[in-house]
């Protein structure tokens, strides 16, 4: 599974609006600077967290746990029979 540019563009635009446009249109008042800082930091950290989660899905550290029969069937069906198990016939779970 590779990265698609569309989700990165969409989410970057969403967080760009939150971090760039909303601080510009923040209401005037004594806390405007704090509101702007909060919006910018929120957008930056949420975008970075989302990007890390999105990228982590491209190369997962932990894969699915498969039963040995499933692995052997997949290897045989995909044209990569395991060399030491050529004569092995998987058991059927009845």
PDB file of N, CA and C in Angstrom:
ATOM      1  N   UNK A   1       0.842  -1.165   0.000  1.00  0.00           N
ATOM      2  CA  UNK A   1       0.000   0.000   0.000  1.00  0.00           C
ATOM      3  C   UNK A   1       0.886   1.226   0.000  1.00  0.00           C
ATOM      4  N   UNK A   2       0.726   2.050  -0.978  1.00  0.00           N
ATOM      5  CA  UNK A   2       1.532   3.260  -1.068  1.00  0.00           C
ATOM      6  C   UNK A   2       0.743   4.478  -0.648  1.00  0.00           C
ATOM      7  N   UNK A   3       1.444   5.567  -0.584  1.00  0.00           N
ATOM      8  CA  UNK A   3       0.817   6.819  -0.194  1.00  0.00           C
ATOM      9  C   UNK A   3       0.055   7.392  -1.382  1.00  0.00           C
ATOM     10  N   UNK A   4      -1.066   7.957  -1.094  1.00  0.00           N
ATOM     11  CA  UNK A   4      -1.839   8.654  -2.098  1.00  0.00           C
ATOM     12  C   UNK A   4      -1.712  10.147  -1.815  1.00  0.00           C
ATOM     13  N   UNK A   5      -1.582  10.935  -2.857  1.00  0.00           N
ATOM     14  CA  UNK A   5      -1.395  12.375  -2.678  1.00  0.00           C
ATOM     15  C   UNK A   5      -2.681  13.072  -2.250  1.00  0.00           C
ATOM     16  N   UNK A   6      -3.824  12.522  -2.631  1.00  0.00           N
ATOM     17  CA  UNK A   6      -5.094  13.190  -2.354  1.00  0.00           C
ATOM     18  C   UNK A   6      -5.374  13.381  -0.855  1.00  0.00           C
ATOM     19  N   UNK A   7      -5.251  12.345  -0.007  1.00  0.00           N
ATOM     20  CA  UNK A   7      -5.492  12.586   1.424  1.00  0.00           C
ATOM     21  C   UNK A   7      -4.501  13.573   2.035  1.00  0.00           C
ATOM     22  N   UNK A   8      -3.255  13.530   1.591  1.00  0.00           N
ATOM     23  CA  UNK A   8      -2.265  14.463   2.131  1.00  0.00           C
ATOM     24  C   UNK A   8      -2.629  15.893   1.756  1.00  0.00           C
ATOM     25  N   UNK A   9      -3.058  16.103   0.533  1.00  0.00           N
ATOM     26  CA  UNK A   9      -3.449  17.443   0.085  1.00  0.00           C
ATOM     27  C   UNK A   9      -4.687  17.917   0.831  1.00  0.00           C
ATOM     28  N   UNK A  10      -5.685  17.047   0.963  1.00  0.00           N
ATOM     29  CA  UNK A  10      -6.940  17.436   1.625  1.00  0.00           C
ATOM     30  C   UNK A  10      -6.699  17.793   3.087  1.00  0.00           C
ATOM     31  N   UNK A  11      -6.000  16.923   3.810  1.00  0.00           N
ATOM     32  CA  UNK A  11      -5.792  17.189   5.233  1.00  0.00           C
ATOM     33  C   UNK A  11      -4.823  18.348   5.460  1.00  0.00           C
ATOM     34  N   UNK A  12      -3.852  18.517   4.580  1.00  0.00           N
ATOM     35  CA  UNK A  12      -2.974  19.680   4.697  1.00  0.00           C
ATOM     36  C   UNK A  12      -3.764  20.962   4.484  1.00  0.00           C
ATOM     37  N   UNK A  13      -4.710  20.940   3.561  1.00  0.00           N
ATOM     38  CA  UNK A  13      -5.550  22.123   3.332  1.00  0.00           C
ATOM     39  C   UNK A  13      -6.438  22.408   4.542  1.00  0.00           C
ATOM     40  N   UNK A  14      -7.019  21.355   5.130  1.00  0.00           N
ATOM     41  CA  UNK A  14      -7.883  21.548   6.300  1.00  0.00           C
ATOM     42  C   UNK A  14      -7.086  22.144   7.454  1.00  0.00           C
ATOM     43  N   UNK A  15      -5.935  21.540   7.759  1.00  0.00           N
ATOM     44  CA  UNK A  15      -5.130  22.051   8.863  1.00  0.00           C
ATOM     45  C   UNK A  15      -4.489  23.386   8.504  1.00  0.00           C
ATOM     46  N   UNK A  16      -4.274  23.644   7.220  1.00  0.00           N
ATOM     47  CA  UNK A  16      -3.794  24.954   6.794  1.00  0.00           C
ATOM     48  C   UNK A  16      -4.818  26.037   7.054  1.00  0.00           C
ATOM     49  N   UNK A  17      -6.078  25.719   6.825  1.00  0.00           N
ATOM     50  CA  UNK A  17      -7.146  26.684   7.124  1.00  0.00           C
ATOM     51  C   UNK A  17      -7.187  26.971   8.617  1.00  0.00           C
ATOM     52  N   UNK A  18      -7.088  25.912   9.429  1.00  0.00           N
ATOM     53  CA  UNK A  18      -7.139  26.094  10.877  1.00  0.00           C
ATOM     54  C   UNK A  18      -5.918  26.870  11.368  1.00  0.00           C
ATOM     55  N   UNK A  19      -4.752  26.607  10.804  1.00  0.00           N
ATOM     56  CA  UNK A  19      -3.531  27.216  11.307  1.00  0.00           C
ATOM     57  C   UNK A  19      -3.134  28.525  10.665  1.00  0.00           C
ATOM     58  N   UNK A  20      -3.676  28.830   9.482  1.00  0.00           N
ATOM     59  CA  UNK A  20      -3.279  30.063   8.788  1.00  0.00           C
ATOM     60  C   UNK A  20      -4.445  31.039   8.665  1.00  0.00           C
ATOM     61  N   UNK A  21      -5.593  30.545   8.194  1.00  0.00           N
ATOM     62  CA  UNK A  21      -6.722  31.441   7.928  1.00  0.00           C
ATOM     63  C   UNK A  21      -7.435  31.843   9.225  1.00  0.00           C
ATOM     64  N   UNK A  22      -7.732  30.878  10.077  1.00  0.00           N
ATOM     65  CA  UNK A  22      -8.468  31.198  11.302  1.00  0.00           C
ATOM     66  C   UNK A  22      -7.725  32.150  12.236  1.00  0.00           C
ATOM     67  N   UNK A  23      -6.403  32.052  12.405  1.00  0.00           N
ATOM     68  CA  UNK A  23      -5.739  33.059  13.242  1.00  0.00           C
ATOM     69  C   UNK A  23      -5.838  34.475  12.679  1.00  0.00           C
ATOM     70  N   UNK A  24      -5.920  34.593  11.368  1.00  0.00           N
ATOM     71  CA  UNK A  24      -6.048  35.923  10.764  1.00  0.00           C
ATOM     72  C   UNK A  24      -7.413  36.521  11.074  1.00  0.00           C
ATOM     73  N   UNK A  25      -8.449  35.697  11.068  1.00  0.00           N
ATOM     74  CA  UNK A  25      -9.803  36.203  11.304  1.00  0.00           C
ATOM     75  C   UNK A  25     -10.250  36.029  12.760  1.00  0.00           C
ATOM     76  N   UNK A  26      -9.299  35.795  13.656  1.00  0.00           N
ATOM     77  CA  UNK A  26      -9.648  35.650  15.079  1.00  0.00           C
ATOM     78  C   UNK A  26     -10.234  36.963  15.578  1.00  0.00           C
ATOM     79  N   UNK A  27     -11.236  36.868  16.450  1.00  0.00           N
ATOM     80  CA  UNK A  27     -11.878  38.094  16.931  1.00  0.00           C
ATOM     81  C   UNK A  27     -10.907  38.950  17.753  1.00  0.00           C
ATOM     82  N   UNK A  28     -11.057  40.249  17.610  1.00  0.00           N
ATOM     83  CA  UNK A  28     -10.203  41.163  18.351  1.00  0.00           C
ATOM     84  C   UNK A  28     -10.614  41.160  19.819  1.00  0.00           C
ATOM     85  N   UNK A  29      -9.634  41.275  20.660  1.00  0.00           N
ATOM     86  CA  UNK A  29      -9.887  41.276  22.091  1.00  0.00           C
ATOM     87  C   UNK A  29      -8.581  41.125  22.836  1.00  0.00           C
ATOM     88  N   UNK A  30      -8.668  41.108  24.146  1.00  0.00           N
ATOM     89  CA  UNK A  30      -7.431  41.046  24.940  1.00  0.00           C
ATOM     90  C   UNK A  30      -6.689  39.710  24.793  1.00  0.00           C
ATOM     91  N   UNK A  31      -7.374  38.662  24.382  1.00  0.00           N
ATOM     92  CA  UNK A  31      -6.749  37.340  24.264  1.00  0.00           C
ATOM     93  C   UNK A  31      -6.522  36.917  22.826  1.00  0.00           C
ATOM     94  N   UNK A  32      -6.535  37.858  21.899  1.00  0.00           N
ATOM     95  CA  UNK A  32      -6.399  37.503  20.490  1.00  0.00           C
ATOM     96  C   UNK A  32      -5.082  36.788  20.213  1.00  0.00           C
ATOM     97  N   UNK A  33      -4.010  37.240  20.796  1.00  0.00           N
ATOM     98  CA  UNK A  33      -2.707  36.614  20.589  1.00  0.00           C
ATOM     99  C   UNK A  33      -2.685  35.174  21.083  1.00  0.00           C
ATOM    100  N   UNK A  34      -3.326  34.935  22.220  1.00  0.00           N
ATOM    101  CA  UNK A  34      -3.386  33.578  22.763  1.00  0.00           C
ATOM    102  C   UNK A  34      -4.230  32.684  21.858  1.00  0.00           C
ATOM    103  N   UNK A  35      -5.351  33.203  21.394  1.00  0.00           N
ATOM    104  CA  UNK A  35      -6.218  32.429  20.497  1.00  0.00           C
ATOM    105  C   UNK A  35      -5.471  32.091  19.213  1.00  0.00           C
ATOM    106  N   UNK A  36      -4.749  33.043  18.665  1.00  0.00           N
ATOM    107  CA  UNK A  36      -3.981  32.795  17.444  1.00  0.00           C
ATOM    108  C   UNK A  36      -2.910  31.737  17.684  1.00  0.00           C
ATOM    109  N   UNK A  37      -2.219  31.856  18.801  1.00  0.00           N
ATOM    110  CA  UNK A  37      -1.171  30.884  19.127  1.00  0.00           C
ATOM    111  C   UNK A  37      -1.758  29.479  19.310  1.00  0.00           C
ATOM    112  N   UNK A  38      -2.894  29.395  19.981  1.00  0.00           N
ATOM    113  CA  UNK A  38      -3.547  28.101  20.194  1.00  0.00           C
ATOM    114  C   UNK A  38      -3.975  27.492  18.868  1.00  0.00           C
ATOM    115  N   UNK A  39      -4.544  28.284  17.980  1.00  0.00           N
ATOM    116  CA  UNK A  39      -4.975  27.768  16.677  1.00  0.00           C
ATOM    117  C   UNK A  39      -3.790  27.273  15.848  1.00  0.00           C
ATOM    118  N   UNK A  40      -2.710  28.024  15.844  1.00  0.00           N
ATOM    119  CA  UNK A  40      -1.536  27.633  15.065  1.00  0.00           C
ATOM    120  C   UNK A  40      -0.914  26.353  15.627  1.00  0.00           C
ATOM    121  N   UNK A  41      -0.739  26.303  16.943  1.00  0.00           N
ATOM    122  CA  UNK A  41      -0.153  25.116  17.562  1.00  0.00           C
ATOM    123  C   UNK A  41      -1.050  23.889  17.411  1.00  0.00           C
ATOM    124  N   UNK A  42      -2.353  24.099  17.547  1.00  0.00           N
ATOM    125  CA  UNK A  42      -3.290  22.987  17.384  1.00  0.00           C
ATOM    126  C   UNK A  42      -3.222  22.434  15.966  1.00  0.00           C
ATOM    127  N   UNK A  43      -3.241  23.307  14.987  1.00  0.00           N
ATOM    128  CA  UNK A  43      -3.184  22.857  13.593  1.00  0.00           C
ATOM    129  C   UNK A  43      -1.871  22.129  13.308  1.00  0.00           C
ATOM    130  N   UNK A  44      -0.757  22.671  13.781  1.00  0.00           N
ATOM    131  CA  UNK A  44       0.543  22.059  13.503  1.00  0.00           C
ATOM    132  C   UNK A  44       0.665  20.687  14.166  1.00  0.00           C
ATOM    133  N   UNK A  45       0.283  20.584  15.426  1.00  0.00           N
ATOM    134  CA  UNK A  45       0.436  19.302  16.117  1.00  0.00           C
ATOM    135  C   UNK A  45      -0.564  18.260  15.616  1.00  0.00           C
ATOM    136  N   UNK A  46      -1.790  18.663  15.341  1.00  0.00           N
ATOM    137  CA  UNK A  46      -2.778  17.708  14.816  1.00  0.00           C
ATOM    138  C   UNK A  46      -2.380  17.224  13.429  1.00  0.00           C
ATOM    139  N   UNK A  47      -1.863  18.133  12.584  1.00  0.00           N
ATOM    140  CA  UNK A  47      -1.426  17.721  11.253  1.00  0.00           C
ATOM    141  C   UNK A  47      -0.252  16.760  11.350  1.00  0.00           C
ATOM    142  N   UNK A  48       0.711  17.058  12.231  1.00  0.00           N
ATOM    143  CA  UNK A  48       1.867  16.176  12.384  1.00  0.00           C
ATOM    144  C   UNK A  48       1.450  14.808  12.915  1.00  0.00           C
ATOM    145  N   UNK A  49       0.535  14.778  13.880  1.00  0.00           N
ATOM    146  CA  UNK A  49       0.046  13.504  14.405  1.00  0.00           C
ATOM    147  C   UNK A  49      -0.671  12.722  13.312  1.00  0.00           C
ATOM    148  N   UNK A  50      -1.527  13.383  12.553  1.00  0.00           N
ATOM    149  CA  UNK A  50      -2.231  12.707  11.471  1.00  0.00           C
ATOM    150  C   UNK A  50      -1.252  12.163  10.442  1.00  0.00           C
ATOM    151  N   UNK A  51      -0.241  12.959  10.081  1.00  0.00           N
ATOM    152  CA  UNK A  51       0.735  12.525   9.085  1.00  0.00           C
ATOM    153  C   UNK A  51       1.515  11.307   9.572  1.00  0.00           C
ATOM    154  N   UNK A  52       1.901  11.310  10.839  1.00  0.00           N
ATOM    155  CA  UNK A  52       2.627  10.149  11.389  1.00  0.00           C
ATOM    156  C   UNK A  52       1.745   8.902  11.374  1.00  0.00           C
ATOM    157  N   UNK A  53       0.484   9.045  11.742  1.00  0.00           N
ATOM    158  CA  UNK A  53      -0.432   7.889  11.720  1.00  0.00           C
ATOM    159  C   UNK A  53      -0.659   7.401  10.296  1.00  0.00           C
ATOM    160  N   UNK A  54      -0.799   8.317   9.362  1.00  0.00           N
ATOM    161  CA  UNK A  54      -1.007   7.947   7.962  1.00  0.00           C
ATOM    162  C   UNK A  54       0.216   7.226   7.420  1.00  0.00           C
ATOM    163  N   UNK A  55       1.403   7.741   7.715  1.00  0.00           N
ATOM    164  CA  UNK A  55       2.622   7.126   7.204  1.00  0.00           C
ATOM    165  C   UNK A  55       2.914   5.786   7.882  1.00  0.00           C
ATOM    166  N   UNK A  56       2.502   5.630   9.140  1.00  0.00           N
ATOM    167  CA  UNK A  56       2.735   4.373   9.850  1.00  0.00           C
ATOM    168  C   UNK A  56       1.963   3.220   9.209  1.00  0.00           C
ATOM    169  N   UNK A  57       0.877   3.520   8.538  1.00  0.00           N
ATOM    170  CA  UNK A  57       0.087   2.482   7.886  1.00  0.00           C
ATOM    171  C   UNK A  57       0.770   1.956   6.620  1.00  0.00           C
ATOM    172  N   UNK A  58       1.734   2.702   6.087  1.00  0.00           N
ATOM    173  CA  UNK A  58       2.406   2.275   4.862  1.00  0.00           C
ATOM    174  C   UNK A  58       3.397   1.146   5.124  1.00  0.00           C
ATOM    175  N   UNK A  59       3.980   1.111   6.299  1.00  0.00           N
ATOM    176  CA  UNK A  59       4.948   0.076   6.642  1.00  0.00           C
ATOM    177  C   UNK A  59       4.701  -0.355   8.086  1.00  0.00           C
ATOM    178  N   UNK A  60       3.684  -1.155   8.314  1.00  0.00           N
ATOM    179  CA  UNK A  60       3.352  -1.527   9.691  1.00  0.00           C
ATOM    180  C   UNK A  60       4.451  -2.367  10.327  1.00  0.00           C
ATOM    181  N   UNK A  61       4.695  -2.127  11.606  1.00  0.00           N
ATOM    182  CA  UNK A  61       5.708  -2.883  12.332  1.00  0.00           C
ATOM    183  C   UNK A  61       5.195  -4.254  12.724  1.00  0.00           C
ATOM    184  N   UNK A  62       3.899  -4.369  12.931  1.00  0.00           N
ATOM    185  CA  UNK A  62       3.295  -5.625  13.360  1.00  0.00           C
ATOM    186  C   UNK A  62       2.304  -6.053  12.295  1.00  0.00           C
ATOM    187  N   UNK A  63       2.484  -7.237  11.766  1.00  0.00           N
ATOM    188  CA  UNK A  63       1.585  -7.744  10.744  1.00  0.00           C
ATOM    189  C   UNK A  63       0.536  -8.660  11.343  1.00  0.00           C
ATOM    190  N   UNK A  64      -0.362  -9.148  10.537  1.00  0.00           N
ATOM    191  CA  UNK A  64      -1.384 -10.055  11.049  1.00  0.00           C
ATOM    192  C   UNK A  64      -0.784 -11.398  11.451  1.00  0.00           C
ATOM    193  N   UNK A  65      -1.361 -12.019  12.445  1.00  0.00           N
ATOM    194  CA  UNK A  65      -0.920 -13.344  12.873  1.00  0.00           C
ATOM    195  C   UNK A  65      -1.732 -14.373  12.106  1.00  0.00           C
ATOM    196  N   UNK A  66      -1.047 -15.128  11.263  1.00  0.00           N
ATOM    197  CA  UNK A  66      -1.714 -16.100  10.410  1.00  0.00           C
ATOM    198  C   UNK A  66      -1.384 -17.508  10.867  1.00  0.00           C
ATOM    199  N   UNK A  67      -2.335 -18.395  10.683  1.00  0.00           N
ATOM    200  CA  UNK A  67      -2.144 -19.804  10.975  1.00  0.00           C
ATOM    201  C   UNK A  67      -1.212 -20.378   9.918  1.00  0.00           C
ATOM    202  N   UNK A  68      -0.448 -21.411  10.265  1.00  0.00           N
ATOM    203  CA  UNK A  68       0.520 -21.993   9.338  1.00  0.00           C
ATOM    204  C   UNK A  68      -0.157 -22.487   8.060  1.00  0.00           C
ATOM    205  N   UNK A  69      -1.342 -23.066   8.182  1.00  0.00           N
ATOM    206  CA  UNK A  69      -2.058 -23.528   6.983  1.00  0.00           C
ATOM    207  C   UNK A  69      -2.368 -22.365   6.050  1.00  0.00           C
ATOM    208  N   UNK A  70      -2.740 -21.242   6.611  1.00  0.00           N
ATOM    209  CA  UNK A  70      -3.055 -20.068   5.799  1.00  0.00           C
ATOM    210  C   UNK A  70      -1.821 -19.579   5.062  1.00  0.00           C
ATOM    211  N   UNK A  71      -0.693 -19.566   5.734  1.00  0.00           N
ATOM    212  CA  UNK A  71       0.548 -19.132   5.097  1.00  0.00           C
ATOM    213  C   UNK A  71       0.918 -20.059   3.952  1.00  0.00           C
ATOM    214  N   UNK A  72       0.794 -21.353   4.169  1.00  0.00           N
ATOM    215  CA  UNK A  72       1.139 -22.315   3.120  1.00  0.00           C
ATOM    216  C   UNK A  72       0.200 -22.201   1.917  1.00  0.00           C
ATOM    217  N   UNK A  73      -1.088 -22.022   2.178  1.00  0.00           N
ATOM    218  CA  UNK A  73      -2.046 -21.869   1.077  1.00  0.00           C
ATOM    219  C   UNK A  73      -1.757 -20.596   0.296  1.00  0.00           C
ATOM    220  N   UNK A  74      -1.481 -19.499   0.996  1.00  0.00           N
ATOM    221  CA  UNK A  74      -1.160 -18.243   0.309  1.00  0.00           C
ATOM    222  C   UNK A  74       0.094 -18.384  -0.539  1.00  0.00           C
ATOM    223  N   UNK A  75       1.115 -19.021   0.015  1.00  0.00           N
ATOM    224  CA  UNK A  75       2.361 -19.198  -0.740  1.00  0.00           C
ATOM    225  C   UNK A  75       2.120 -20.036  -1.991  1.00  0.00           C
ATOM    226  N   UNK A  76       1.335 -21.098  -1.857  1.00  0.00           N
ATOM    227  CA  UNK A  76       1.064 -21.966  -3.008  1.00  0.00           C
ATOM    228  C   UNK A  76       0.225 -21.232  -4.053  1.00  0.00           C
ATOM    229  N   UNK A  77      -0.809 -20.535  -3.634  1.00  0.00           N
ATOM    230  CA  UNK A  77      -1.699 -19.857  -4.578  1.00  0.00           C
ATOM    231  C   UNK A  77      -1.018 -18.680  -5.278  1.00  0.00           C
ATOM    232  N   UNK A  78      -0.086 -18.033  -4.603  1.00  0.00           N
ATOM    233  CA  UNK A  78       0.588 -16.886  -5.200  1.00  0.00           C
ATOM    234  C   UNK A  78       1.819 -17.287  -6.005  1.00  0.00           C
ATOM    235  N   UNK A  79       2.042 -18.601  -6.159  1.00  0.00           N
ATOM    236  CA  UNK A  79       3.130 -19.067  -6.991  1.00  0.00           C
ATOM    237  C   UNK A  79       4.487 -19.064  -6.307  1.00  0.00           C
ATOM    238  N   UNK A  80       4.506 -19.042  -4.982  1.00  0.00           N
ATOM    239  CA  UNK A  80       5.762 -19.068  -4.235  1.00  0.00           C
ATOM    240  C   UNK A  80       5.734 -20.201  -3.218  1.00  0.00           C
ATOM    241  N   UNK A  81       5.644 -21.445  -3.677  1.00  0.00           N
ATOM    242  CA  UNK A  81       5.591 -22.523  -2.686  1.00  0.00           C
ATOM    243  C   UNK A  81       6.877 -22.561  -1.869  1.00  0.00           C
ATOM    244  N   UNK A  82       6.720 -22.815  -0.593  1.00  0.00           N
ATOM    245  CA  UNK A  82       7.871 -22.879   0.290  1.00  0.00           C
ATOM    246  C   UNK A  82       8.682 -24.125  -0.053  1.00  0.00           C
ATOM    247  N   UNK A  83      10.009 -24.013  -0.224  1.00  0.00           N
ATOM    248  CA  UNK A  83      10.811 -25.129  -0.734  1.00  0.00           C
ATOM    249  C   UNK A  83      10.826 -26.342   0.179  1.00  0.00           C
ATOM    250  N   UNK A  84      10.820 -26.170   1.477  1.00  0.00           N
ATOM    251  CA  UNK A  84      10.890 -27.319   2.368  1.00  0.00           C
ATOM    252  C   UNK A  84       9.513 -27.913   2.655  1.00  0.00           C
ATOM    253  N   UNK A  85       8.464 -27.361   2.124  1.00  0.00           N
ATOM    254  CA  UNK A  85       7.115 -27.837   2.393  1.00  0.00           C
ATOM    255  C   UNK A  85       6.391 -28.220   1.113  1.00  0.00           C
ATOM    256  N   UNK A  86       7.096 -28.593   0.053  1.00  0.00           N
ATOM    257  CA  UNK A  86       6.448 -28.890  -1.220  1.00  0.00           C
ATOM    258  C   UNK A  86       5.463 -30.041  -1.134  1.00  0.00           C
ATOM    259  N   UNK A  87       5.774 -31.047  -0.330  1.00  0.00           N
ATOM    260  CA  UNK A  87       4.888 -32.193  -0.235  1.00  0.00           C
ATOM    261  C   UNK A  87       3.827 -32.066   0.835  1.00  0.00           C
ATOM    262  N   UNK A  88       3.823 -30.975   1.552  1.00  0.00           N
ATOM    263  CA  UNK A  88       2.892 -30.802   2.675  1.00  0.00           C
ATOM    264  C   UNK A  88       1.509 -30.409   2.170  1.00  0.00           C
ATOM    265  N   UNK A  89       0.499 -31.107   2.635  1.00  0.00           N
ATOM    266  CA  UNK A  89      -0.876 -30.766   2.317  1.00  0.00           C
ATOM    267  C   UNK A  89      -1.519 -30.210   3.594  1.00  0.00           C
ATOM    268  N   UNK A  90      -2.045 -28.994   3.539  1.00  0.00           N
ATOM    269  CA  UNK A  90      -2.638 -28.427   4.754  1.00  0.00           C
ATOM    270  C   UNK A  90      -3.845 -29.225   5.223  1.00  0.00           C
ATOM    271  N   UNK A  91      -3.985 -29.276   6.532  1.00  0.00           N
ATOM    272  CA  UNK A  91      -5.115 -29.975   7.128  1.00  0.00           C
ATOM    273  C   UNK A  91      -6.358 -29.092   7.021  1.00  0.00           C
ATOM    274  N   UNK A  92      -7.479 -29.713   6.799  1.00  0.00           N
ATOM    275  CA  UNK A  92      -8.728 -28.976   6.750  1.00  0.00           C
ATOM    276  C   UNK A  92      -9.344 -28.984   8.145  1.00  0.00           C
ATOM    277  N   UNK A  93      -9.692 -27.797   8.619  1.00  0.00           N
ATOM    278  CA  UNK A  93     -10.329 -27.701   9.924  1.00  0.00           C
ATOM    279  C   UNK A  93     -11.817 -27.970   9.757  1.00  0.00           C
ATOM    280  N   UNK A  94     -12.267 -29.121  10.220  1.00  0.00           N
ATOM    281  CA  UNK A  94     -13.686 -29.490  10.090  1.00  0.00           C
ATOM    282  C   UNK A  94     -14.422 -29.251  11.381  1.00  0.00           C
TER     283      UNK A  94
END
